[in-house]
Amino acid sequence: MTASALIVAAGRGERLGSDRPKAFAVLAGRPMLEWALDALRDSPQIGEIVVALPEGYDAPDGCIGVRGGAERSHSVRAALAASTGDPILVQDAARPMLTPEIVASCLAAVAQDGVDAAIAAAPVTDTIKEAAGGDVVRTLDRSVLWAVQTPQVFRRAALEAALSQPDEVLAAATDDASLVEAAGGTVRVVPTPASNLKVTTPHDLEIAELLLRSSTRNTP
């Protein structure tokens, strides 16, 4: 069956300091949401796009719109209920550097036998230390650490089971793959560039703007 893409665009984005929800902040002359939409629309494996939106915003052309929830996973659950495809790709609107190549790699990974989810992630390059009370407890082995991104792609049954848990469990989850992982599912890492960044602060917005303006994606 053709894949469905769910875009989480309901975040308020206070840290960005925008006068509108983060997904609709202007990035390189367009609402940030449009950059991720471009990549999904250019991906032939994606048959439908469902967008979880803040109150007062309409779905982009050709997309299904649903009202986002109080927490990220609540928004994903609402979008999943409005979708029909399998597998399910979940994408943050705040990651504008998505490409059709990343989409294809994640979809190919989840199609492998025994894989319940596949997540885009970049290898950690900094030295990471665990600290308590301001003192270092230990230095972690960065060779086994990954910075998790989106898209995250799921077999539909695995995501439905993960999101069927109580609201308080969903609210505590930092990403959807952690819910599948906690349930004993197999989550495959798909190496992707660190440039597939998430826009959270004004500094991130500046970096994304520079990357987009210097890329072929910004060519008319």
N, C-alpha and C. Protein backbone atom coordinates (compact mmCIF):
# COMPACT_ATOMS: atom_id res chain seq x y z
N MET A 1 0.84 -1.19 0.00
CA MET A 1 0.00 0.00 0.00
C MET A 1 0.88 1.24 0.00
N THR A 2 0.39 2.32 -0.53
CA THR A 2 1.12 3.57 -0.60
C THR A 2 1.26 4.19 0.79
N ALA A 3 2.40 4.83 1.04
CA ALA A 3 2.67 5.42 2.34
C ALA A 3 1.87 6.71 2.54
N SER A 4 1.55 6.98 3.80
CA SER A 4 0.97 8.25 4.21
C SER A 4 2.02 9.05 4.96
N ALA A 5 2.04 10.36 4.76
CA ALA A 5 2.94 11.25 5.50
C ALA A 5 2.11 12.10 6.45
N LEU A 6 2.52 12.14 7.72
CA LEU A 6 1.89 12.97 8.73
C LEU A 6 2.88 14.07 9.10
N ILE A 7 2.45 15.32 8.98
CA ILE A 7 3.32 16.45 9.33
C ILE A 7 2.82 17.09 10.61
N VAL A 8 3.71 17.20 11.58
CA VAL A 8 3.37 17.84 12.85
C VAL A 8 3.67 19.33 12.71
N ALA A 9 2.60 20.14 12.65
CA ALA A 9 2.75 21.58 12.41
C ALA A 9 1.98 22.40 13.44
N ALA A 10 1.67 21.78 14.59
CA ALA A 10 0.81 22.45 15.57
C ALA A 10 1.58 23.16 16.67
N GLY A 11 2.91 23.07 16.65
CA GLY A 11 3.70 23.66 17.73
C GLY A 11 3.64 25.17 17.77
N ARG A 12 3.68 25.73 18.98
CA ARG A 12 3.62 27.18 19.13
C ARG A 12 4.97 27.83 18.87
N GLY A 13 6.05 27.19 19.28
CA GLY A 13 7.38 27.69 18.97
C GLY A 13 7.76 28.97 19.70
N GLU A 14 7.52 29.01 21.04
CA GLU A 14 7.85 30.22 21.78
C GLU A 14 9.32 30.58 21.69
N ARG A 15 10.20 29.58 21.66
CA ARG A 15 11.64 29.86 21.65
C ARG A 15 12.09 30.52 20.34
N LEU A 16 11.28 30.38 19.30
CA LEU A 16 11.62 31.00 18.03
C LEU A 16 11.33 32.50 18.05
N GLY A 17 10.45 32.93 18.94
CA GLY A 17 10.12 34.35 19.02
C GLY A 17 9.33 34.87 17.85
N SER A 18 8.59 33.99 17.18
CA SER A 18 7.80 34.40 16.02
C SER A 18 6.43 34.90 16.46
N ASP A 19 5.81 35.70 15.60
CA ASP A 19 4.47 36.20 15.89
C ASP A 19 3.38 35.26 15.41
N ARG A 20 3.76 34.04 15.03
CA ARG A 20 2.82 33.05 14.53
C ARG A 20 3.34 31.65 14.89
N PRO A 21 2.52 30.61 14.75
CA PRO A 21 3.03 29.26 15.03
C PRO A 21 4.28 28.95 14.21
N LYS A 22 5.17 28.16 14.79
CA LYS A 22 6.49 27.96 14.20
C LYS A 22 6.43 27.46 12.76
N ALA A 23 5.52 26.56 12.45
CA ALA A 23 5.45 26.00 11.10
C ALA A 23 5.15 27.06 10.05
N PHE A 24 4.60 28.19 10.48
CA PHE A 24 4.22 29.25 9.54
C PHE A 24 5.14 30.45 9.61
N ALA A 25 6.23 30.34 10.38
CA ALA A 25 7.24 31.39 10.36
C ALA A 25 7.87 31.46 8.97
N VAL A 26 8.24 32.64 8.55
CA VAL A 26 8.78 32.82 7.20
C VAL A 26 10.24 32.36 7.16
N LEU A 27 10.53 31.48 6.23
CA LEU A 27 11.88 30.95 6.03
C LEU A 27 12.21 31.02 4.55
N ALA A 28 13.23 31.80 4.20
CA ALA A 28 13.63 31.97 2.80
C ALA A 28 12.43 32.36 1.93
N GLY A 29 11.60 33.25 2.47
CA GLY A 29 10.50 33.79 1.69
C GLY A 29 9.22 32.98 1.67
N ARG A 30 9.17 31.87 2.42
CA ARG A 30 7.98 31.02 2.41
C ARG A 30 7.68 30.54 3.83
N PRO A 31 6.44 30.14 4.12
CA PRO A 31 6.17 29.50 5.41
C PRO A 31 7.04 28.25 5.55
N MET A 32 7.62 28.06 6.72
CA MET A 32 8.54 26.94 6.92
C MET A 32 7.94 25.60 6.53
N LEU A 33 6.65 25.40 6.80
CA LEU A 33 5.97 24.16 6.46
C LEU A 33 6.12 23.79 5.00
N GLU A 34 6.16 24.78 4.12
CA GLU A 34 6.17 24.51 2.68
C GLU A 34 7.43 23.77 2.24
N TRP A 35 8.55 23.95 2.95
CA TRP A 35 9.79 23.28 2.52
C TRP A 35 9.69 21.77 2.70
N ALA A 36 9.17 21.32 3.84
CA ALA A 36 8.99 19.88 4.04
C ALA A 36 7.93 19.34 3.09
N LEU A 37 6.88 20.12 2.86
CA LEU A 37 5.85 19.69 1.92
C LEU A 37 6.42 19.45 0.53
N ASP A 38 7.32 20.32 0.09
CA ASP A 38 7.93 20.15 -1.23
C ASP A 38 8.56 18.77 -1.37
N ALA A 39 9.34 18.38 -0.35
CA ALA A 39 10.04 17.10 -0.41
C ALA A 39 9.07 15.93 -0.43
N LEU A 40 8.00 16.03 0.34
CA LEU A 40 7.01 14.95 0.37
C LEU A 40 6.22 14.87 -0.93
N ARG A 41 5.88 16.02 -1.48
CA ARG A 41 5.16 16.03 -2.76
C ARG A 41 6.02 15.49 -3.89
N ASP A 42 7.34 15.62 -3.76
CA ASP A 42 8.26 15.12 -4.79
C ASP A 42 8.65 13.66 -4.56
N SER A 43 8.07 13.02 -3.55
CA SER A 43 8.38 11.62 -3.23
C SER A 43 7.26 10.74 -3.77
N PRO A 44 7.51 9.95 -4.80
CA PRO A 44 6.44 9.16 -5.42
C PRO A 44 5.85 8.10 -4.51
N GLN A 45 6.57 7.73 -3.44
CA GLN A 45 6.05 6.71 -2.53
C GLN A 45 4.94 7.24 -1.63
N ILE A 46 4.82 8.57 -1.52
CA ILE A 46 3.84 9.17 -0.62
C ILE A 46 2.52 9.39 -1.36
N GLY A 47 1.46 8.76 -0.85
CA GLY A 47 0.16 8.85 -1.51
C GLY A 47 -0.76 9.90 -0.94
N GLU A 48 -0.55 10.28 0.33
CA GLU A 48 -1.37 11.31 0.95
C GLU A 48 -0.56 12.00 2.04
N ILE A 49 -0.92 13.24 2.32
CA ILE A 49 -0.25 14.03 3.35
C ILE A 49 -1.31 14.57 4.29
N VAL A 50 -1.14 14.28 5.57
CA VAL A 50 -2.05 14.78 6.61
C VAL A 50 -1.25 15.73 7.49
N VAL A 51 -1.78 16.93 7.72
CA VAL A 51 -1.08 17.94 8.50
C VAL A 51 -1.84 18.23 9.78
N ALA A 52 -1.17 18.08 10.94
CA ALA A 52 -1.74 18.45 12.23
C ALA A 52 -1.48 19.93 12.45
N LEU A 53 -2.54 20.73 12.50
CA LEU A 53 -2.44 22.18 12.43
C LEU A 53 -2.87 22.85 13.73
N PRO A 54 -2.34 24.06 13.98
CA PRO A 54 -2.85 24.85 15.11
C PRO A 54 -4.23 25.41 14.78
N GLU A 55 -4.94 25.79 15.81
CA GLU A 55 -6.28 26.36 15.61
C GLU A 55 -6.21 27.60 14.74
N GLY A 56 -7.14 27.69 13.79
CA GLY A 56 -7.23 28.87 12.94
C GLY A 56 -6.46 28.77 11.64
N TYR A 57 -5.80 27.65 11.40
CA TYR A 57 -5.02 27.49 10.17
C TYR A 57 -5.63 26.37 9.32
N ASP A 58 -5.65 26.60 8.02
CA ASP A 58 -6.21 25.63 7.08
C ASP A 58 -5.13 24.74 6.49
N ALA A 59 -5.53 23.57 6.02
CA ALA A 59 -4.58 22.64 5.40
C ALA A 59 -4.08 23.21 4.08
N PRO A 60 -2.79 23.00 3.78
CA PRO A 60 -2.27 23.40 2.47
C PRO A 60 -2.98 22.64 1.35
N ASP A 61 -2.87 23.17 0.15
CA ASP A 61 -3.52 22.55 -1.01
C ASP A 61 -3.09 21.09 -1.15
N GLY A 62 -4.07 20.23 -1.38
CA GLY A 62 -3.79 18.83 -1.62
C GLY A 62 -3.54 18.02 -0.37
N CYS A 63 -3.65 18.62 0.81
CA CYS A 63 -3.40 17.93 2.07
C CYS A 63 -4.68 17.80 2.88
N ILE A 64 -4.70 16.83 3.77
CA ILE A 64 -5.77 16.67 4.74
C ILE A 64 -5.36 17.40 6.01
N GLY A 65 -6.21 18.21 6.57
CA GLY A 65 -5.90 18.93 7.79
C GLY A 65 -6.65 18.39 8.99
N VAL A 66 -5.96 18.29 10.13
CA VAL A 66 -6.59 17.91 11.40
C VAL A 66 -6.11 18.89 12.46
N ARG A 67 -6.87 19.02 13.53
CA ARG A 67 -6.47 19.87 14.65
C ARG A 67 -5.41 19.17 15.48
N GLY A 68 -4.31 19.85 15.74
CA GLY A 68 -3.25 19.28 16.55
C GLY A 68 -3.66 19.16 18.01
N GLY A 69 -2.96 18.30 18.75
CA GLY A 69 -3.25 18.09 20.16
C GLY A 69 -2.36 18.90 21.08
N ALA A 70 -2.53 18.69 22.37
CA ALA A 70 -1.76 19.44 23.37
C ALA A 70 -0.28 19.06 23.33
N GLU A 71 0.02 17.84 23.00
CA GLU A 71 1.40 17.35 22.93
C GLU A 71 1.65 16.76 21.54
N ARG A 72 2.94 16.60 21.23
CA ARG A 72 3.33 16.11 19.92
C ARG A 72 2.62 14.79 19.55
N SER A 73 2.70 13.81 20.44
CA SER A 73 2.14 12.50 20.12
C SER A 73 0.62 12.55 19.98
N HIS A 74 -0.02 13.49 20.67
CA HIS A 74 -1.46 13.65 20.49
C HIS A 74 -1.76 14.14 19.06
N SER A 75 -0.92 15.03 18.55
CA SER A 75 -1.09 15.51 17.18
C SER A 75 -0.87 14.37 16.18
N VAL A 76 0.14 13.55 16.43
CA VAL A 76 0.41 12.43 15.54
C VAL A 76 -0.77 11.45 15.56
N ARG A 77 -1.32 11.22 16.72
CA ARG A 77 -2.46 10.30 16.82
C ARG A 77 -3.66 10.82 16.03
N ALA A 78 -3.91 12.12 16.12
CA ALA A 78 -5.04 12.70 15.37
C ALA A 78 -4.80 12.60 13.87
N ALA A 79 -3.56 12.84 13.44
CA ALA A 79 -3.25 12.74 12.01
C ALA A 79 -3.31 11.30 11.53
N LEU A 80 -2.86 10.38 12.36
CA LEU A 80 -2.89 8.97 11.99
C LEU A 80 -4.33 8.51 11.76
N ALA A 81 -5.25 8.96 12.60
CA ALA A 81 -6.65 8.56 12.46
C ALA A 81 -7.27 9.04 11.15
N ALA A 82 -6.71 10.11 10.59
CA ALA A 82 -7.25 10.65 9.34
C ALA A 82 -6.54 10.09 8.11
N SER A 83 -5.57 9.22 8.32
CA SER A 83 -4.78 8.68 7.20
C SER A 83 -5.24 7.28 6.84
N THR A 84 -4.79 6.80 5.67
CA THR A 84 -5.19 5.47 5.20
C THR A 84 -4.01 4.60 4.80
N GLY A 85 -2.81 5.16 4.72
CA GLY A 85 -1.69 4.42 4.15
C GLY A 85 -0.95 3.52 5.12
N ASP A 86 0.01 2.80 4.60
CA ASP A 86 0.89 1.93 5.36
C ASP A 86 2.11 1.65 4.47
N PRO A 87 3.29 2.07 4.91
CA PRO A 87 3.67 2.60 6.21
C PRO A 87 3.28 4.06 6.41
N ILE A 88 3.60 4.54 7.63
CA ILE A 88 3.29 5.90 8.02
C ILE A 88 4.60 6.66 8.27
N LEU A 89 4.75 7.79 7.59
CA LEU A 89 5.92 8.65 7.79
C LEU A 89 5.50 9.85 8.62
N VAL A 90 6.25 10.13 9.70
CA VAL A 90 5.97 11.27 10.56
C VAL A 90 7.11 12.28 10.40
N GLN A 91 6.75 13.52 10.10
CA GLN A 91 7.73 14.57 9.83
C GLN A 91 7.41 15.83 10.62
N ASP A 92 8.42 16.44 11.21
CA ASP A 92 8.26 17.74 11.85
C ASP A 92 8.27 18.83 10.80
N ALA A 93 7.28 19.72 10.85
CA ALA A 93 7.29 20.87 9.95
C ALA A 93 8.52 21.74 10.17
N ALA A 94 9.09 21.67 11.37
CA ALA A 94 10.25 22.49 11.72
C ALA A 94 11.57 21.91 11.22
N ARG A 95 11.52 20.86 10.41
CA ARG A 95 12.74 20.34 9.75
C ARG A 95 12.61 20.61 8.25
N PRO A 96 13.00 21.80 7.81
CA PRO A 96 12.77 22.20 6.42
C PRO A 96 13.76 21.63 5.42
N MET A 97 14.82 20.96 5.89
CA MET A 97 15.84 20.45 4.98
C MET A 97 15.55 19.03 4.49
N LEU A 98 14.35 18.54 4.74
CA LEU A 98 13.96 17.22 4.25
C LEU A 98 14.13 17.14 2.73
N THR A 99 14.56 15.97 2.25
CA THR A 99 14.71 15.73 0.81
C THR A 99 14.00 14.44 0.43
N PRO A 100 13.64 14.29 -0.85
CA PRO A 100 13.06 13.01 -1.29
C PRO A 100 14.02 11.84 -1.08
N GLU A 101 15.31 12.09 -1.11
CA GLU A 101 16.28 11.01 -0.89
C GLU A 101 16.22 10.49 0.55
N ILE A 102 16.06 11.40 1.52
CA ILE A 102 15.91 10.97 2.92
C ILE A 102 14.61 10.19 3.08
N VAL A 103 13.55 10.67 2.48
CA VAL A 103 12.26 9.97 2.54
C VAL A 103 12.40 8.55 2.00
N ALA A 104 13.03 8.41 0.84
CA ALA A 104 13.18 7.09 0.22
C ALA A 104 14.02 6.15 1.09
N SER A 105 15.08 6.67 1.69
CA SER A 105 15.95 5.83 2.53
C SER A 105 15.21 5.30 3.75
N CYS A 106 14.42 6.16 4.39
CA CYS A 106 13.68 5.73 5.57
C CYS A 106 12.57 4.74 5.22
N LEU A 107 11.90 4.95 4.10
CA LEU A 107 10.86 4.01 3.67
C LEU A 107 11.46 2.66 3.31
N ALA A 108 12.63 2.66 2.68
CA ALA A 108 13.29 1.40 2.33
C ALA A 108 13.70 0.64 3.58
N ALA A 109 14.13 1.35 4.62
CA ALA A 109 14.58 0.69 5.84
C ALA A 109 13.43 0.02 6.58
N VAL A 110 12.26 0.68 6.63
CA VAL A 110 11.14 0.09 7.37
C VAL A 110 10.53 -1.09 6.60
N ALA A 111 10.83 -1.20 5.32
CA ALA A 111 10.31 -2.32 4.53
C ALA A 111 11.08 -3.61 4.77
N GLN A 112 12.21 -3.53 5.47
CA GLN A 112 13.01 -4.72 5.73
C GLN A 112 12.31 -5.62 6.75
N ASP A 113 12.54 -6.92 6.62
CA ASP A 113 11.90 -7.88 7.52
C ASP A 113 12.28 -7.61 8.97
N GLY A 114 11.29 -7.65 9.84
CA GLY A 114 11.53 -7.52 11.27
C GLY A 114 11.69 -6.11 11.78
N VAL A 115 11.59 -5.11 10.90
CA VAL A 115 11.75 -3.72 11.31
C VAL A 115 10.36 -3.10 11.52
N ASP A 116 10.16 -2.51 12.69
CA ASP A 116 8.89 -1.87 13.01
C ASP A 116 8.90 -0.37 12.73
N ALA A 117 10.10 0.24 12.80
CA ALA A 117 10.22 1.68 12.58
C ALA A 117 11.62 1.97 12.07
N ALA A 118 11.74 3.06 11.31
CA ALA A 118 13.04 3.51 10.82
C ALA A 118 13.13 5.01 11.05
N ILE A 119 14.23 5.45 11.62
CA ILE A 119 14.35 6.86 12.00
C ILE A 119 15.58 7.49 11.38
N ALA A 120 15.40 8.69 10.84
CA ALA A 120 16.53 9.47 10.37
C ALA A 120 17.33 9.93 11.58
N ALA A 121 18.66 9.85 11.49
CA ALA A 121 19.51 10.25 12.61
C ALA A 121 20.91 10.55 12.11
N ALA A 122 21.57 11.48 12.79
CA ALA A 122 22.95 11.85 12.45
C ALA A 122 23.89 11.36 13.54
N PRO A 123 25.07 10.84 13.17
CA PRO A 123 26.04 10.43 14.20
C PRO A 123 26.45 11.63 15.05
N VAL A 124 26.56 11.42 16.35
CA VAL A 124 27.01 12.48 17.26
C VAL A 124 28.50 12.70 17.07
N THR A 125 28.89 13.95 16.89
CA THR A 125 30.31 14.27 16.68
C THR A 125 30.95 14.93 17.89
N ASP A 126 30.16 15.56 18.75
CA ASP A 126 30.71 16.17 19.97
C ASP A 126 30.98 15.11 21.02
N THR A 127 31.90 15.41 21.92
CA THR A 127 32.07 14.58 23.11
C THR A 127 30.90 14.86 24.05
N ILE A 128 30.25 13.79 24.52
CA ILE A 128 29.07 13.92 25.37
C ILE A 128 29.39 13.41 26.76
N LYS A 129 29.12 14.24 27.76
CA LYS A 129 29.35 13.85 29.15
C LYS A 129 28.05 13.86 29.92
N GLU A 130 27.89 12.87 30.78
CA GLU A 130 26.75 12.83 31.70
C GLU A 130 27.16 13.52 32.99
N ALA A 131 26.30 14.43 33.48
CA ALA A 131 26.62 15.18 34.68
C ALA A 131 25.46 15.12 35.66
N ALA A 132 25.79 15.26 36.95
CA ALA A 132 24.78 15.32 38.01
C ALA A 132 25.24 16.36 39.03
N GLY A 133 24.36 17.30 39.35
CA GLY A 133 24.72 18.33 40.31
C GLY A 133 25.88 19.19 39.86
N GLY A 134 26.05 19.32 38.54
CA GLY A 134 27.12 20.15 38.01
C GLY A 134 28.45 19.44 37.84
N ASP A 135 28.54 18.19 38.28
CA ASP A 135 29.80 17.43 38.17
C ASP A 135 29.66 16.31 37.14
N VAL A 136 30.71 16.07 36.39
CA VAL A 136 30.70 15.01 35.39
C VAL A 136 30.68 13.65 36.06
N VAL A 137 29.76 12.81 35.60
CA VAL A 137 29.65 11.45 36.11
C VAL A 137 30.44 10.49 35.23
N ARG A 138 30.30 10.68 33.92
CA ARG A 138 31.03 9.82 32.98
C ARG A 138 30.99 10.45 31.60
N THR A 139 31.92 9.99 30.76
CA THR A 139 31.95 10.38 29.35
C THR A 139 31.37 9.24 28.53
N LEU A 140 30.37 9.57 27.72
CA LEU A 140 29.70 8.54 26.94
C LEU A 140 30.46 8.23 25.67
N ASP A 141 30.28 7.02 25.17
CA ASP A 141 30.94 6.57 23.93
C ASP A 141 30.16 7.12 22.75
N ARG A 142 30.68 8.16 22.13
CA ARG A 142 29.92 8.81 21.05
C ARG A 142 29.81 7.94 19.81
N SER A 143 30.61 6.88 19.70
CA SER A 143 30.54 6.03 18.51
C SER A 143 29.22 5.27 18.42
N VAL A 144 28.49 5.20 19.52
CA VAL A 144 27.20 4.50 19.50
C VAL A 144 26.02 5.46 19.73
N LEU A 145 26.29 6.77 19.67
CA LEU A 145 25.25 7.76 19.92
C LEU A 145 24.79 8.40 18.61
N TRP A 146 23.49 8.64 18.53
CA TRP A 146 22.88 9.23 17.34
C TRP A 146 21.95 10.37 17.74
N ALA A 147 21.99 11.47 16.99
CA ALA A 147 21.06 12.58 17.18
C ALA A 147 19.84 12.32 16.30
N VAL A 148 18.71 12.09 16.92
CA VAL A 148 17.52 11.64 16.19
C VAL A 148 16.81 12.82 15.53
N GLN A 149 16.35 12.59 14.31
CA GLN A 149 15.68 13.60 13.51
C GLN A 149 14.29 13.07 13.11
N THR A 150 13.69 13.74 12.17
CA THR A 150 12.58 13.17 11.40
C THR A 150 12.98 13.29 9.93
N PRO A 151 12.45 12.43 9.07
CA PRO A 151 11.27 11.59 9.28
C PRO A 151 11.54 10.36 10.13
N GLN A 152 10.45 9.91 10.76
CA GLN A 152 10.40 8.61 11.40
C GLN A 152 9.28 7.84 10.69
N VAL A 153 9.59 6.63 10.25
CA VAL A 153 8.63 5.85 9.46
C VAL A 153 8.27 4.58 10.22
N PHE A 154 7.00 4.25 10.22
CA PHE A 154 6.48 3.14 11.02
C PHE A 154 5.59 2.22 10.20
N ARG A 155 5.66 0.95 10.50
CA ARG A 155 4.58 0.08 10.07
C ARG A 155 3.32 0.53 10.80
N ARG A 156 2.25 0.62 10.09
CA ARG A 156 1.04 1.22 10.65
C ARG A 156 0.62 0.56 11.96
N ALA A 157 0.63 -0.76 11.99
CA ALA A 157 0.18 -1.47 13.20
C ALA A 157 1.04 -1.12 14.40
N ALA A 158 2.34 -0.96 14.19
CA ALA A 158 3.24 -0.63 15.30
C ALA A 158 2.95 0.76 15.84
N LEU A 159 2.71 1.73 14.95
CA LEU A 159 2.42 3.08 15.41
C LEU A 159 1.05 3.16 16.07
N GLU A 160 0.06 2.47 15.51
CA GLU A 160 -1.27 2.48 16.13
C GLU A 160 -1.21 1.91 17.55
N ALA A 161 -0.47 0.83 17.73
CA ALA A 161 -0.36 0.24 19.06
C ALA A 161 0.35 1.19 20.02
N ALA A 162 1.41 1.83 19.55
CA ALA A 162 2.16 2.75 20.41
C ALA A 162 1.31 3.93 20.83
N LEU A 163 0.48 4.45 19.93
CA LEU A 163 -0.31 5.64 20.22
C LEU A 163 -1.64 5.33 20.89
N SER A 164 -1.91 4.07 21.14
CA SER A 164 -3.15 3.69 21.83
C SER A 164 -3.00 3.78 23.35
N GLN A 165 -1.80 4.15 23.81
CA GLN A 165 -1.55 4.25 25.24
C GLN A 165 -2.20 5.51 25.82
N PRO A 166 -2.31 5.59 27.16
CA PRO A 166 -2.96 6.75 27.79
C PRO A 166 -2.26 8.07 27.43
N ASP A 167 -3.04 9.16 27.52
CA ASP A 167 -2.52 10.49 27.15
C ASP A 167 -1.27 10.85 27.93
N GLU A 168 -1.21 10.49 29.21
CA GLU A 168 -0.04 10.88 30.00
C GLU A 168 1.23 10.18 29.54
N VAL A 169 1.09 8.96 29.01
CA VAL A 169 2.25 8.26 28.46
C VAL A 169 2.73 8.95 27.19
N LEU A 170 1.79 9.33 26.34
CA LEU A 170 2.14 10.02 25.10
C LEU A 170 2.78 11.37 25.40
N ALA A 171 2.26 12.07 26.40
CA ALA A 171 2.78 13.40 26.72
C ALA A 171 4.23 13.34 27.18
N ALA A 172 4.64 12.24 27.78
CA ALA A 172 6.01 12.11 28.30
C ALA A 172 7.00 11.68 27.22
N ALA A 173 6.52 11.27 26.07
CA ALA A 173 7.41 10.76 25.01
C ALA A 173 8.05 11.92 24.26
N THR A 174 9.36 11.84 24.06
CA THR A 174 10.06 12.89 23.31
C THR A 174 9.99 12.67 21.81
N ASP A 175 9.73 11.45 21.39
CA ASP A 175 9.48 11.17 19.97
C ASP A 175 8.63 9.92 19.87
N ASP A 176 8.09 9.69 18.68
CA ASP A 176 7.18 8.56 18.50
C ASP A 176 7.92 7.23 18.49
N ALA A 177 9.14 7.23 17.99
CA ALA A 177 9.89 5.98 17.94
C ALA A 177 10.18 5.43 19.33
N SER A 178 10.32 6.31 20.32
CA SER A 178 10.59 5.83 21.68
C SER A 178 9.42 5.01 22.22
N LEU A 179 8.20 5.32 21.77
CA LEU A 179 7.04 4.54 22.20
C LEU A 179 7.08 3.14 21.61
N VAL A 180 7.48 3.03 20.34
CA VAL A 180 7.62 1.72 19.71
C VAL A 180 8.76 0.94 20.35
N GLU A 181 9.85 1.64 20.61
CA GLU A 181 11.01 1.02 21.26
C GLU A 181 10.64 0.46 22.64
N ALA A 182 9.91 1.26 23.43
CA ALA A 182 9.52 0.84 24.77
C ALA A 182 8.62 -0.39 24.75
N ALA A 183 7.87 -0.55 23.65
CA ALA A 183 6.98 -1.70 23.52
C ALA A 183 7.70 -2.94 22.99
N GLY A 184 9.00 -2.83 22.78
CA GLY A 184 9.79 -3.97 22.31
C GLY A 184 9.96 -4.06 20.82
N GLY A 185 9.54 -3.01 20.09
CA GLY A 185 9.68 -3.02 18.65
C GLY A 185 11.11 -2.77 18.20
N THR A 186 11.40 -3.16 16.97
CA THR A 186 12.72 -2.94 16.38
C THR A 186 12.72 -1.63 15.63
N VAL A 187 13.63 -0.72 16.02
CA VAL A 187 13.75 0.60 15.41
C VAL A 187 15.10 0.68 14.71
N ARG A 188 15.08 0.88 13.41
CA ARG A 188 16.30 0.92 12.60
C ARG A 188 16.75 2.37 12.39
N VAL A 189 18.05 2.63 12.58
CA VAL A 189 18.63 3.95 12.36
C VAL A 189 19.01 4.11 10.89
N VAL A 190 18.62 5.23 10.29
CA VAL A 190 18.97 5.55 8.91
C VAL A 190 19.91 6.77 8.95
N PRO A 191 21.19 6.60 8.65
CA PRO A 191 22.13 7.74 8.73
C PRO A 191 21.73 8.86 7.78
N THR A 192 21.65 10.06 8.31
CA THR A 192 21.29 11.24 7.54
C THR A 192 22.18 12.40 7.96
N PRO A 193 22.29 13.44 7.14
CA PRO A 193 23.20 14.54 7.45
C PRO A 193 22.72 15.36 8.65
N ALA A 194 23.68 15.94 9.38
CA ALA A 194 23.33 16.84 10.48
C ALA A 194 22.63 18.09 9.96
N SER A 195 22.78 18.38 8.68
CA SER A 195 22.12 19.55 8.09
C SER A 195 20.60 19.41 8.04
N ASN A 196 20.08 18.21 8.32
CA ASN A 196 18.64 17.99 8.41
C ASN A 196 18.16 18.50 9.78
N LEU A 197 18.42 19.77 10.02
CA LEU A 197 18.26 20.34 11.35
C LEU A 197 16.82 20.69 11.68
N LYS A 198 16.57 20.84 12.99
CA LYS A 198 15.27 21.29 13.47
C LYS A 198 15.37 22.76 13.85
N VAL A 199 14.44 23.57 13.37
CA VAL A 199 14.43 24.99 13.68
C VAL A 199 13.68 25.19 15.00
N THR A 200 14.43 25.61 16.02
CA THR A 200 13.86 25.86 17.34
C THR A 200 14.08 27.29 17.79
N THR A 201 15.24 27.86 17.48
CA THR A 201 15.61 29.19 17.94
C THR A 201 15.83 30.11 16.74
N PRO A 202 15.92 31.43 16.95
CA PRO A 202 16.24 32.34 15.85
C PRO A 202 17.56 31.99 15.17
N HIS A 203 18.53 31.49 15.93
CA HIS A 203 19.82 31.09 15.34
C HIS A 203 19.62 29.94 14.35
N ASP A 204 18.79 28.95 14.73
CA ASP A 204 18.50 27.84 13.82
C ASP A 204 17.84 28.35 12.54
N LEU A 205 16.95 29.32 12.69
CA LEU A 205 16.26 29.88 11.53
C LEU A 205 17.26 30.53 10.57
N GLU A 206 18.25 31.23 11.12
CA GLU A 206 19.28 31.86 10.29
C GLU A 206 20.10 30.82 9.53
N ILE A 207 20.46 29.74 10.23
CA ILE A 207 21.25 28.68 9.58
C ILE A 207 20.44 28.02 8.47
N ALA A 208 19.18 27.70 8.74
CA ALA A 208 18.32 27.08 7.73
C ALA A 208 18.16 28.00 6.53
N GLU A 209 18.03 29.29 6.78
CA GLU A 209 17.89 30.25 5.68
C GLU A 209 19.12 30.24 4.80
N LEU A 210 20.30 30.23 5.42
CA LEU A 210 21.55 30.19 4.65
C LEU A 210 21.65 28.91 3.83
N LEU A 211 21.29 27.78 4.44
CA LEU A 211 21.37 26.50 3.74
C LEU A 211 20.41 26.46 2.55
N LEU A 212 19.20 26.94 2.77
CA LEU A 212 18.21 26.91 1.69
C LEU A 212 18.56 27.87 0.57
N ARG A 213 19.03 29.05 0.91
CA ARG A 213 19.35 30.03 -0.13
C ARG A 213 20.57 29.63 -0.95
N SER A 214 21.41 28.75 -0.39
CA SER A 214 22.59 28.31 -1.14
C SER A 214 22.37 26.98 -1.84
N SER A 215 21.14 26.42 -1.70
CA SER A 215 20.88 25.10 -2.30
C SER A 215 20.07 25.23 -3.57
N THR A 216 20.06 24.15 -4.34
CA THR A 216 19.28 24.13 -5.59
C THR A 216 17.78 24.14 -5.31
N ARG A 217 17.37 23.81 -4.07
CA ARG A 217 15.95 23.81 -3.73
C ARG A 217 15.36 25.21 -3.80
N ASN A 218 16.20 26.23 -3.70
CA ASN A 218 15.69 27.60 -3.71
C ASN A 218 15.76 28.21 -5.12
N THR A 219 16.05 27.38 -6.12
CA THR A 219 16.14 27.87 -7.50
C THR A 219 14.75 27.87 -8.12
N PRO A 220 14.28 29.00 -8.65
CA PRO A 220 12.95 29.04 -9.26
C PRO A 220 12.83 28.06 -10.41
